[in-house]
Amino acid sequence: YLSTAAGAAAFVMNSPGSKYFDPIEMSYQAPF
């Protein structure tokens, strides 16, 4: 479980996407 939790946190931390959109704006992109 700790490995899974760390993986999710690290993926978000290491992704540049948070520089451009917040979580709500990410969900707006669902149709695309």
ModelCIF file with pLDDT and N, C-alpha, C, O atoms, coordinates in Angstrom:
data_MODEL
#
_entry.id   MODEL 
#
_entity.id                         1 
_entity.type                       polymer 
_entity.pdbx_number_of_molecules   1 
#
_entity_poly.entity_id                      1 
_entity_poly.type                           'polypeptide(L)' 
_entity_poly.nstd_linkage                   no 
_entity_poly.nstd_monomer                   no 
_entity_poly.pdbx_seq_one_letter_code       YLSTAAGAAAFVMNSPGSKYFDPIEMSYQAPF 
_entity_poly.pdbx_seq_one_letter_code_can   YLSTAAGAAAFVMNSPGSKYFDPIEMSYQAPF 
_entity_poly.pdbx_strand_id                 A 
#
loop_
_entity_poly_seq.entity_id 
_entity_poly_seq.num 
_entity_poly_seq.mon_id 
_entity_poly_seq.hetero 
1 1  TYR n 
1 2  LEU n 
1 3  SER n 
1 4  THR n 
1 5  ALA n 
1 6  ALA n 
1 7  GLY n 
1 8  ALA n 
1 9  ALA n 
1 10 ALA n 
1 11 PHE n 
1 12 VAL n 
1 13 MET n 
1 14 ASN n 
1 15 SER n 
1 16 PRO n 
1 17 GLY n 
1 18 SER n 
1 19 LYS n 
1 20 TYR n 
1 21 PHE n 
1 22 ASP n 
1 23 PRO n 
1 24 ILE n 
1 25 GLU n 
1 26 MET n 
1 27 SER n 
1 28 TYR n 
1 29 GLN n 
1 30 ALA n 
1 31 PRO n 
1 32 PHE n 
#
_struct_asym.id          A 
_struct_asym.entity_id   1 
#
loop_
_ma_qa_metric.id 
_ma_qa_metric.mode 
_ma_qa_metric.name 
_ma_qa_metric.software_group_id 
_ma_qa_metric.type 
1 global pLDDT . pLDDT 
2 local  pLDDT . pLDDT 
#
_ma_qa_metric_global.metric_id      1 
_ma_qa_metric_global.metric_value   94.59 
_ma_qa_metric_global.model_id       1 
_ma_qa_metric_global.ordinal_id     1 
#
loop_
_ma_qa_metric_local.label_asym_id 
_ma_qa_metric_local.label_comp_id 
_ma_qa_metric_local.label_seq_id 
_ma_qa_metric_local.metric_id 
_ma_qa_metric_local.metric_value 
_ma_qa_metric_local.model_id 
_ma_qa_metric_local.ordinal_id 
A TYR 1  2 94.00 1 1  
A LEU 2  2 96.00 1 2  
A SER 3  2 95.00 1 3  
A THR 4  2 94.00 1 4  
A ALA 5  2 95.00 1 5  
A ALA 6  2 95.00 1 6  
A GLY 7  2 95.00 1 7  
A ALA 8  2 95.00 1 8  
A ALA 9  2 96.00 1 9  
A ALA 10 2 95.00 1 10 
A PHE 11 2 95.00 1 11 
A VAL 12 2 96.00 1 12 
A MET 13 2 95.00 1 13 
A ASN 14 2 93.00 1 14 
A SER 15 2 95.00 1 15 
A PRO 16 2 95.00 1 16 
A GLY 17 2 95.00 1 17 
A SER 18 2 94.00 1 18 
A LYS 19 2 94.00 1 19 
A TYR 20 2 95.00 1 20 
A PHE 21 2 96.00 1 21 
A ASP 22 2 96.00 1 22 
A PRO 23 2 96.00 1 23 
A ILE 24 2 96.00 1 24 
A GLU 25 2 96.00 1 25 
A MET 26 2 96.00 1 26 
A SER 27 2 95.00 1 27 
A TYR 28 2 94.00 1 28 
A GLN 29 2 92.00 1 29 
A ALA 30 2 92.00 1 30 
A PRO 31 2 91.00 1 31 
A PHE 32 2 90.00 1 32 
#
loop_
_atom_site.group_PDB 
_atom_site.id 
_atom_site.type_symbol 
_atom_site.label_atom_id 
_atom_site.label_alt_id 
_atom_site.label_comp_id 
_atom_site.label_asym_id 
_atom_site.label_entity_id 
_atom_site.label_seq_id 
_atom_site.pdbx_PDB_ins_code 
_atom_site.Cartn_x 
_atom_site.Cartn_y 
_atom_site.Cartn_z 
_atom_site.occupancy 
_atom_site.B_iso_or_equiv 
_atom_site.pdbx_formal_charge 
_atom_site.auth_seq_id 
_atom_site.auth_comp_id 
_atom_site.auth_asym_id 
_atom_site.auth_atom_id 
_atom_site.pdbx_PDB_model_num 
ATOM 1   N N  . TYR A 1 1  ? 0.831   -1.202 0.000   1.00 94.00 ? 1  TYR A N  1 
ATOM 2   C CA . TYR A 1 1  ? 0.000   0.000  0.000   1.00 94.00 ? 1  TYR A CA 1 
ATOM 3   C C  . TYR A 1 1  ? 0.866   1.254  0.000   1.00 94.00 ? 1  TYR A C  1 
ATOM 4   O O  . TYR A 1 1  ? 0.583   2.202  -0.733  1.00 94.00 ? 1  TYR A O  1 
ATOM 5   N N  . LEU A 1 2  ? 1.925   1.269  0.820   1.00 96.00 ? 2  LEU A N  1 
ATOM 6   C CA . LEU A 1 2  ? 2.803   2.433  0.863   1.00 96.00 ? 2  LEU A CA 1 
ATOM 7   C C  . LEU A 1 2  ? 3.460   2.670  -0.495  1.00 96.00 ? 2  LEU A C  1 
ATOM 8   O O  . LEU A 1 2  ? 3.645   3.814  -0.910  1.00 96.00 ? 2  LEU A O  1 
ATOM 9   N N  . SER A 1 3  ? 3.810   1.587  -1.183  1.00 95.00 ? 3  SER A N  1 
ATOM 10  C CA . SER A 1 3  ? 4.392   1.721  -2.513  1.00 95.00 ? 3  SER A CA 1 
ATOM 11  C C  . SER A 1 3  ? 3.398   2.354  -3.482  1.00 95.00 ? 3  SER A C  1 
ATOM 12  O O  . SER A 1 3  ? 3.767   3.203  -4.293  1.00 95.00 ? 3  SER A O  1 
ATOM 13  N N  . THR A 1 4  ? 2.132   1.936  -3.394  1.00 94.00 ? 4  THR A N  1 
ATOM 14  C CA . THR A 1 4  ? 1.091   2.497  -4.253  1.00 94.00 ? 4  THR A CA 1 
ATOM 15  C C  . THR A 1 4  ? 0.860   3.975  -3.943  1.00 94.00 ? 4  THR A C  1 
ATOM 16  O O  . THR A 1 4  ? 0.754   4.804  -4.848  1.00 94.00 ? 4  THR A O  1 
ATOM 17  N N  . ALA A 1 5  ? 0.783   4.293  -2.639  1.00 95.00 ? 5  ALA A N  1 
ATOM 18  C CA . ALA A 1 5  ? 0.553   5.679  -2.227  1.00 95.00 ? 5  ALA A CA 1 
ATOM 19  C C  . ALA A 1 5  ? 1.711   6.572  -2.654  1.00 95.00 ? 5  ALA A C  1 
ATOM 20  O O  . ALA A 1 5  ? 1.499   7.674  -3.162  1.00 95.00 ? 5  ALA A O  1 
ATOM 21  N N  . ALA A 1 6  ? 2.933   6.093  -2.448  1.00 95.00 ? 6  ALA A N  1 
ATOM 22  C CA . ALA A 1 6  ? 4.111   6.877  -2.839  1.00 95.00 ? 6  ALA A CA 1 
ATOM 23  C C  . ALA A 1 6  ? 4.156   7.078  -4.344  1.00 95.00 ? 6  ALA A C  1 
ATOM 24  O O  . ALA A 1 6  ? 4.557   8.139  -4.823  1.00 95.00 ? 6  ALA A O  1 
ATOM 25  N N  . GLY A 1 7  ? 3.742   6.049  -5.098  1.00 95.00 ? 7  GLY A N  1 
ATOM 26  C CA . GLY A 1 7  ? 3.743   6.158  -6.548  1.00 95.00 ? 7  GLY A CA 1 
ATOM 27  C C  . GLY A 1 7  ? 2.812   7.235  -7.050  1.00 95.00 ? 7  GLY A C  1 
ATOM 28  O O  . GLY A 1 7  ? 3.157   7.986  -7.962  1.00 95.00 ? 7  GLY A O  1 
ATOM 29  N N  . ALA A 1 8  ? 1.611   7.317  -6.450  1.00 95.00 ? 8  ALA A N  1 
ATOM 30  C CA . ALA A 1 8  ? 0.648   8.336  -6.861  1.00 95.00 ? 8  ALA A CA 1 
ATOM 31  C C  . ALA A 1 8  ? 1.162   9.734  -6.533  1.00 95.00 ? 8  ALA A C  1 
ATOM 32  O O  . ALA A 1 8  ? 1.090   10.642 -7.361  1.00 95.00 ? 8  ALA A O  1 
ATOM 33  N N  . ALA A 1 9  ? 1.686   9.897  -5.311  1.00 96.00 ? 9  ALA A N  1 
ATOM 34  C CA . ALA A 1 9  ? 2.196   11.212 -4.903  1.00 96.00 ? 9  ALA A CA 1 
ATOM 35  C C  . ALA A 1 9  ? 3.373   11.630 -5.775  1.00 96.00 ? 9  ALA A C  1 
ATOM 36  O O  . ALA A 1 9  ? 3.449   12.777 -6.215  1.00 96.00 ? 9  ALA A O  1 
ATOM 37  N N  . ALA A 1 10 ? 4.298   10.692 -6.026  1.00 95.00 ? 10 ALA A N  1 
ATOM 38  C CA . ALA A 1 10 ? 5.483   11.016 -6.822  1.00 95.00 ? 10 ALA A CA 1 
ATOM 39  C C  . ALA A 1 10 ? 5.124   11.346 -8.258  1.00 95.00 ? 10 ALA A C  1 
ATOM 40  O O  . ALA A 1 10 ? 5.721   12.238 -8.861  1.00 95.00 ? 10 ALA A O  1 
ATOM 41  N N  . PHE A 1 11 ? 4.141   10.625 -8.814  1.00 95.00 ? 11 PHE A N  1 
ATOM 42  C CA . PHE A 1 11 ? 3.740   10.895 -10.194 1.00 95.00 ? 11 PHE A CA 1 
ATOM 43  C C  . PHE A 1 11 ? 3.249   12.329 -10.346 1.00 95.00 ? 11 PHE A C  1 
ATOM 44  O O  . PHE A 1 11 ? 3.614   13.014 -11.301 1.00 95.00 ? 11 PHE A O  1 
ATOM 45  N N  . VAL A 1 12 ? 2.422   12.784 -9.409  1.00 96.00 ? 12 VAL A N  1 
ATOM 46  C CA . VAL A 1 12 ? 1.900   14.150 -9.475  1.00 96.00 ? 12 VAL A CA 1 
ATOM 47  C C  . VAL A 1 12 ? 3.026   15.160 -9.246  1.00 96.00 ? 12 VAL A C  1 
ATOM 48  O O  . VAL A 1 12 ? 3.109   16.173 -9.941  1.00 96.00 ? 12 VAL A O  1 
ATOM 49  N N  . MET A 1 13 ? 3.885   14.879 -8.276  1.00 95.00 ? 13 MET A N  1 
ATOM 50  C CA . MET A 1 13 ? 5.006   15.785 -7.991  1.00 95.00 ? 13 MET A CA 1 
ATOM 51  C C  . MET A 1 13 ? 5.924   15.947 -9.198  1.00 95.00 ? 13 MET A C  1 
ATOM 52  O O  . MET A 1 13 ? 6.420   17.041 -9.467  1.00 95.00 ? 13 MET A O  1 
ATOM 53  N N  . ASN A 1 14 ? 6.147   14.855 -9.923  1.00 93.00 ? 14 ASN A N  1 
ATOM 54  C CA . ASN A 1 14 ? 7.101   14.868 -11.028 1.00 93.00 ? 14 ASN A CA 1 
ATOM 55  C C  . ASN A 1 14 ? 6.486   15.304 -12.357 1.00 93.00 ? 14 ASN A C  1 
ATOM 56  O O  . ASN A 1 14 ? 7.197   15.439 -13.353 1.00 93.00 ? 14 ASN A O  1 
ATOM 57  N N  . SER A 1 15 ? 5.189   15.523 -12.379 1.00 95.00 ? 15 SER A N  1 
ATOM 58  C CA . SER A 1 15 ? 4.509   15.901 -13.625 1.00 95.00 ? 15 SER A CA 1 
ATOM 59  C C  . SER A 1 15 ? 4.485   17.421 -13.780 1.00 95.00 ? 15 SER A C  1 
ATOM 60  O O  . SER A 1 15 ? 4.119   18.125 -12.838 1.00 95.00 ? 15 SER A O  1 
ATOM 61  N N  . PRO A 1 16 ? 4.864   17.934 -14.939 1.00 95.00 ? 16 PRO A N  1 
ATOM 62  C CA . PRO A 1 16 ? 4.835   19.390 -15.152 1.00 95.00 ? 16 PRO A CA 1 
ATOM 63  C C  . PRO A 1 16 ? 3.420   19.957 -15.214 1.00 95.00 ? 16 PRO A C  1 
ATOM 64  O O  . PRO A 1 16 ? 3.238   21.169 -15.095 1.00 95.00 ? 16 PRO A O  1 
ATOM 65  N N  . GLY A 1 17 ? 2.411   19.095 -15.400 1.00 95.00 ? 17 GLY A N  1 
ATOM 66  C CA . GLY A 1 17 ? 1.053   19.566 -15.648 1.00 95.00 ? 17 GLY A CA 1 
ATOM 67  C C  . GLY A 1 17 ? 0.494   20.511 -14.613 1.00 95.00 ? 17 GLY A C  1 
ATOM 68  O O  . GLY A 1 17 ? -0.303  21.389 -14.944 1.00 95.00 ? 17 GLY A O  1 
ATOM 69  N N  . SER A 1 18 ? 0.904   20.348 -13.336 1.00 94.00 ? 18 SER A N  1 
ATOM 70  C CA . SER A 1 18 ? 0.355   21.219 -12.290 1.00 94.00 ? 18 SER A CA 1 
ATOM 71  C C  . SER A 1 18 ? 0.769   22.677 -12.463 1.00 94.00 ? 18 SER A C  1 
ATOM 72  O O  . SER A 1 18 ? 0.190   23.566 -11.837 1.00 94.00 ? 18 SER A O  1 
ATOM 73  N N  . LYS A 1 19 ? 1.774   22.927 -13.315 1.00 94.00 ? 19 LYS A N  1 
ATOM 74  C CA . LYS A 1 19 ? 2.170   24.313 -13.589 1.00 94.00 ? 19 LYS A CA 1 
ATOM 75  C C  . LYS A 1 19 ? 1.148   25.020 -14.466 1.00 94.00 ? 19 LYS A C  1 
ATOM 76  O O  . LYS A 1 19 ? 1.125   26.249 -14.539 1.00 94.00 ? 19 LYS A O  1 
ATOM 77  N N  . TYR A 1 20 ? 0.309   24.244 -15.128 1.00 95.00 ? 20 TYR A N  1 
ATOM 78  C CA . TYR A 1 20 ? -0.588  24.818 -16.129 1.00 95.00 ? 20 TYR A CA 1 
ATOM 79  C C  . TYR A 1 20 ? -2.069  24.751 -15.749 1.00 95.00 ? 20 TYR A C  1 
ATOM 80  O O  . TYR A 1 20 ? -2.843  25.636 -16.112 1.00 95.00 ? 20 TYR A O  1 
ATOM 81  N N  . PHE A 1 21 ? -2.467  23.693 -15.011 1.00 96.00 ? 21 PHE A N  1 
ATOM 82  C CA . PHE A 1 21 ? -3.879  23.529 -14.668 1.00 96.00 ? 21 PHE A CA 1 
ATOM 83  C C  . PHE A 1 21 ? -4.024  22.995 -13.250 1.00 96.00 ? 21 PHE A C  1 
ATOM 84  O O  . PHE A 1 21 ? -3.211  22.194 -12.789 1.00 96.00 ? 21 PHE A O  1 
ATOM 85  N N  . ASP A 1 22 ? -5.072  23.449 -12.564 1.00 96.00 ? 22 ASP A N  1 
ATOM 86  C CA . ASP A 1 22 ? -5.366  22.900 -11.241 1.00 96.00 ? 22 ASP A CA 1 
ATOM 87  C C  . ASP A 1 22 ? -6.217  21.633 -11.412 1.00 96.00 ? 22 ASP A C  1 
ATOM 88  O O  . ASP A 1 22 ? -6.611  21.315 -12.534 1.00 96.00 ? 22 ASP A O  1 
ATOM 89  N N  . PRO A 1 23 ? -6.508  20.906 -10.329 1.00 96.00 ? 23 PRO A N  1 
ATOM 90  C CA . PRO A 1 23 ? -7.241  19.638 -10.458 1.00 96.00 ? 23 PRO A CA 1 
ATOM 91  C C  . PRO A 1 23 ? -8.599  19.777 -11.134 1.00 96.00 ? 23 PRO A C  1 
ATOM 92  O O  . PRO A 1 23 ? -9.003  18.898 -11.895 1.00 96.00 ? 23 PRO A O  1 
ATOM 93  N N  . ILE A 1 24 ? -9.303  20.861 -10.867 1.00 96.00 ? 24 ILE A N  1 
ATOM 94  C CA . ILE A 1 24 ? -10.619 21.054 -11.482 1.00 96.00 ? 24 ILE A CA 1 
ATOM 95  C C  . ILE A 1 24 ? -10.473 21.233 -12.993 1.00 96.00 ? 24 ILE A C  1 
ATOM 96  O O  . ILE A 1 24 ? -11.234 20.666 -13.777 1.00 96.00 ? 24 ILE A O  1 
ATOM 97  N N  . GLU A 1 25 ? -9.480  22.031 -13.382 1.00 96.00 ? 25 GLU A N  1 
ATOM 98  C CA . GLU A 1 25 ? -9.251  22.253 -14.812 1.00 96.00 ? 25 GLU A CA 1 
ATOM 99  C C  . GLU A 1 25 ? -8.802  20.971 -15.510 1.00 96.00 ? 25 GLU A C  1 
ATOM 100 O O  . GLU A 1 25 ? -9.085  20.769 -16.691 1.00 96.00 ? 25 GLU A O  1 
ATOM 101 N N  . MET A 1 26 ? -8.096  20.102 -14.770 1.00 96.00 ? 26 MET A N  1 
ATOM 102 C CA . MET A 1 26 ? -7.733  18.809 -15.360 1.00 96.00 ? 26 MET A CA 1 
ATOM 103 C C  . MET A 1 26 ? -8.996  18.012 -15.693 1.00 96.00 ? 26 MET A C  1 
ATOM 104 O O  . MET A 1 26 ? -9.075  17.381 -16.747 1.00 96.00 ? 26 MET A O  1 
ATOM 105 N N  . SER A 1 27 ? -9.973  18.041 -14.802 1.00 95.00 ? 27 SER A N  1 
ATOM 106 C CA . SER A 1 27 ? -11.194 17.259 -15.023 1.00 95.00 ? 27 SER A CA 1 
ATOM 107 C C  . SER A 1 27 ? -12.018 17.818 -16.178 1.00 95.00 ? 27 SER A C  1 
ATOM 108 O O  . SER A 1 27 ? -12.769 17.082 -16.818 1.00 95.00 ? 27 SER A O  1 
ATOM 109 N N  . TYR A 1 28 ? -11.881 19.122 -16.449 1.00 94.00 ? 28 TYR A N  1 
ATOM 110 C CA . TYR A 1 28 ? -12.588 19.707 -17.590 1.00 94.00 ? 28 TYR A CA 1 
ATOM 111 C C  . TYR A 1 28 ? -12.145 19.081 -18.917 1.00 94.00 ? 28 TYR A C  1 
ATOM 112 O O  . TYR A 1 28 ? -12.865 19.137 -19.914 1.00 94.00 ? 28 TYR A O  1 
ATOM 113 N N  . GLN A 1 29 ? -10.959 18.491 -18.909 1.00 92.00 ? 29 GLN A N  1 
ATOM 114 C CA . GLN A 1 29 ? -10.401 17.927 -20.144 1.00 92.00 ? 29 GLN A CA 1 
ATOM 115 C C  . GLN A 1 29 ? -10.861 16.494 -20.406 1.00 92.00 ? 29 GLN A C  1 
ATOM 116 O O  . GLN A 1 29 ? -10.406 15.859 -21.358 1.00 92.00 ? 29 GLN A O  1 
ATOM 117 N N  . ALA A 1 30 ? -11.754 15.990 -19.571 1.00 92.00 ? 30 ALA A N  1 
ATOM 118 C CA . ALA A 1 30 ? -12.205 14.601 -19.699 1.00 92.00 ? 30 ALA A CA 1 
ATOM 119 C C  . ALA A 1 30 ? -12.655 14.233 -21.119 1.00 92.00 ? 30 ALA A C  1 
ATOM 120 O O  . ALA A 1 30 ? -12.268 13.175 -21.615 1.00 92.00 ? 30 ALA A O  1 
ATOM 121 N N  . PRO A 1 31 ? -13.461 15.073 -21.790 1.00 91.00 ? 31 PRO A N  1 
ATOM 122 C CA . PRO A 1 31 ? -13.915 14.701 -23.137 1.00 91.00 ? 31 PRO A CA 1 
ATOM 123 C C  . PRO A 1 31 ? -12.778 14.539 -24.152 1.00 91.00 ? 31 PRO A C  1 
ATOM 124 O O  . PRO A 1 31 ? -12.952 13.919 -25.201 1.00 91.00 ? 31 PRO A O  1 
ATOM 125 N N  . PHE A 1 32 ? -11.611 15.106 -23.823 1.00 90.00 ? 32 PHE A N  1 
ATOM 126 C CA . PHE A 1 32 ? -10.506 15.090 -24.777 1.00 90.00 ? 32 PHE A CA 1 
ATOM 127 C C  . PHE A 1 32 ? -9.465  14.020 -24.461 1.00 90.00 ? 32 PHE A C  1 
ATOM 128 O O  . PHE A 1 32 ? -8.476  13.889 -25.181 1.00 90.00 ? 32 PHE A O  1 
#
